[in-house]
Amino acid sequence: MRSPKRESSNGQNPSISFSAIYQGILVSLVVSAVLSVLAGAIYYLTSISESTLPWTASGILCISIFTGGVFASQRVGAKGLYHGLGIGILYFILIWVVAGFFLPGHVYLAGFATKFLLSVMAGSAGGILGVGLSTK
């Protein structure tokens, strides 16, 4: 009978750090707020067409979640994919709940699926990069 492992073979903690995920979500929210204000100022002060706004919003979403994933998994130094996925999924849920509260209306499945996929991919990529950048 095998005994349960308490540590992985490389000495890293095998569990997921929920505090790092929450901190990553907070970082993502701050980055989103800063980039949203910056984008709003750019749209206001320039003649950029508002038809580019969906692309800008998607870019802000990806950059924010990616940054949160890097931050969280860099702090933990392990399981970057899981930490990044956690940030991507939880951030996506948080944003959709808040948007649904302030902007009630119909949810289009294509837009919902696209944003979810972007969130998961950005979080995963950020989490993987964060482990690569960690010093642990």
Protein backbone atom coordinates (compact mmCIF):
# COMPACT_ATOMS: atom_id res chain seq x y z
CA MET A 1 0.00 0.00 0.00
CA ARG A 2 1.34 3.39 -0.90
CA SER A 3 1.55 6.15 1.63
CA PRO A 4 0.07 9.49 0.60
CA LYS A 5 2.61 12.05 -0.49
CA ARG A 6 2.78 15.20 1.51
CA GLU A 7 5.10 17.02 -0.84
CA SER A 8 5.72 16.72 -4.52
CA SER A 9 8.96 15.22 -5.75
CA ASN A 10 10.53 18.62 -6.31
CA GLY A 11 9.76 19.91 -2.80
CA GLN A 12 7.00 22.32 -3.77
CA ASN A 13 3.71 22.62 -1.93
CA PRO A 14 1.18 20.48 -3.82
CA SER A 15 -1.90 22.43 -2.80
CA ILE A 16 -3.52 25.43 -4.40
CA SER A 17 -3.14 28.75 -2.59
CA PHE A 18 -6.57 30.38 -2.43
CA SER A 19 -5.09 33.51 -0.86
CA ALA A 20 -2.82 33.91 -3.91
CA ILE A 21 -5.85 33.51 -6.18
CA TYR A 22 -7.76 36.19 -4.27
CA GLN A 23 -4.74 38.49 -4.42
CA GLY A 24 -4.44 37.81 -8.15
CA ILE A 25 -8.09 38.74 -8.64
CA LEU A 26 -7.51 41.99 -6.74
CA VAL A 27 -4.51 42.75 -8.95
CA SER A 28 -6.66 42.00 -12.00
CA LEU A 29 -9.38 44.36 -10.79
CA VAL A 30 -6.87 47.18 -10.21
CA VAL A 31 -5.30 46.65 -13.64
CA SER A 32 -8.79 46.63 -15.21
CA ALA A 33 -9.73 49.87 -13.50
CA VAL A 34 -6.50 51.61 -14.53
CA LEU A 35 -6.70 50.40 -18.14
CA SER A 36 -10.40 51.29 -18.36
CA VAL A 37 -9.75 54.85 -17.21
CA LEU A 38 -6.84 55.11 -19.63
CA ALA A 39 -8.93 53.75 -22.51
CA GLY A 40 -11.78 56.11 -21.63
CA ALA A 41 -9.43 59.08 -21.72
CA ILE A 42 -7.98 57.95 -25.05
CA TYR A 43 -11.43 57.53 -26.59
CA TYR A 44 -12.51 60.91 -25.23
CA LEU A 45 -9.42 62.85 -26.30
CA THR A 46 -8.89 61.30 -29.72
CA SER A 47 -11.01 60.58 -32.75
CA ILE A 48 -10.77 56.80 -32.40
CA SER A 49 -14.00 55.21 -33.52
CA GLU A 50 -16.16 53.64 -30.83
CA SER A 51 -16.54 50.63 -33.09
CA THR A 52 -13.17 49.48 -31.71
CA LEU A 53 -14.53 49.46 -28.17
CA PRO A 54 -15.32 45.68 -28.08
CA TRP A 55 -11.72 44.93 -29.07
CA THR A 56 -10.43 47.31 -26.42
CA ALA A 57 -12.64 45.73 -23.75
CA SER A 58 -11.44 42.25 -24.70
CA GLY A 59 -7.84 43.43 -24.57
CA ILE A 60 -8.35 44.94 -21.13
CA LEU A 61 -9.95 41.70 -19.95
CA CYS A 62 -7.04 39.59 -21.23
CA ILE A 63 -4.30 41.88 -19.95
CA SER A 64 -5.93 42.14 -16.52
CA ILE A 65 -6.41 38.41 -16.04
CA PHE A 66 -2.97 37.63 -17.46
CA THR A 67 -1.37 40.07 -15.01
CA GLY A 68 -3.31 38.61 -12.08
CA GLY A 69 -2.25 35.10 -13.10
CA VAL A 70 1.40 36.09 -13.29
CA PHE A 71 1.21 37.81 -9.92
CA ALA A 72 -0.47 34.92 -8.10
CA SER A 73 1.59 32.07 -9.49
CA GLN A 74 4.83 34.01 -9.13
CA ARG A 75 4.09 34.40 -5.41
CA VAL A 76 3.35 30.68 -5.00
CA GLY A 77 5.97 29.35 -7.40
CA ALA A 78 4.00 26.23 -8.29
CA LYS A 79 0.85 25.01 -10.05
CA GLY A 80 0.67 28.07 -12.26
CA LEU A 81 -1.89 26.53 -14.60
CA TYR A 82 -4.30 25.89 -11.72
CA HIS A 83 -3.78 29.30 -10.15
CA GLY A 84 -4.20 31.02 -13.51
CA LEU A 85 -7.33 29.02 -14.30
CA GLY A 86 -8.75 29.88 -10.90
CA ILE A 87 -8.16 33.57 -11.47
CA GLY A 88 -9.58 33.45 -15.00
CA ILE A 89 -12.75 31.62 -14.00
CA LEU A 90 -13.43 33.55 -10.79
CA TYR A 91 -12.70 36.92 -12.38
CA PHE A 92 -15.01 36.06 -15.29
CA ILE A 93 -17.82 35.08 -12.90
CA LEU A 94 -17.31 38.24 -10.83
CA ILE A 95 -17.40 40.51 -13.88
CA TRP A 96 -20.52 38.83 -15.32
CA VAL A 97 -22.37 39.08 -11.99
CA VAL A 98 -21.49 42.76 -11.64
CA ALA A 99 -22.33 43.48 -15.29
CA GLY A 100 -25.63 41.61 -14.94
CA PHE A 101 -26.50 43.69 -11.90
CA PHE A 102 -25.76 47.06 -13.51
CA LEU A 103 -26.64 46.19 -17.12
CA PRO A 104 -29.56 43.75 -17.04
CA GLY A 105 -30.50 42.33 -20.38
CA HIS A 106 -30.01 39.42 -22.66
CA VAL A 107 -26.84 37.36 -22.57
CA TYR A 108 -25.64 36.20 -25.95
CA LEU A 109 -24.09 32.77 -25.84
CA ALA A 110 -21.43 33.56 -28.45
CA GLY A 111 -20.19 36.62 -26.53
CA PHE A 112 -20.38 34.76 -23.24
CA ALA A 113 -18.39 31.81 -24.57
CA THR A 114 -15.81 34.02 -26.26
CA LYS A 115 -15.15 36.07 -23.12
CA PHE A 116 -14.99 32.92 -21.01
CA LEU A 117 -12.49 31.34 -23.39
CA LEU A 118 -10.37 34.51 -23.41
CA SER A 119 -10.44 34.61 -19.61
CA VAL A 120 -9.38 30.99 -19.23
CA MET A 121 -6.61 31.28 -21.81
CA ALA A 122 -5.24 34.55 -20.39
CA GLY A 123 -5.29 33.21 -16.84
CA SER A 124 -3.61 29.96 -17.86
CA ALA A 125 -0.88 31.71 -19.82
CA GLY A 126 -0.27 34.18 -17.00
CA GLY A 127 -0.13 31.41 -14.42
CA ILE A 128 2.38 29.39 -16.43
CA LEU A 129 4.57 32.44 -17.03
CA GLY A 130 4.37 33.40 -13.36
CA VAL A 131 5.82 30.05 -12.27
CA GLY A 132 8.61 30.50 -14.80
CA LEU A 133 9.39 33.93 -13.35
CA SER A 134 9.18 32.83 -9.71
CA THR A 135 12.29 32.53 -7.59
CA LYS A 136 10.94 29.76 -5.33
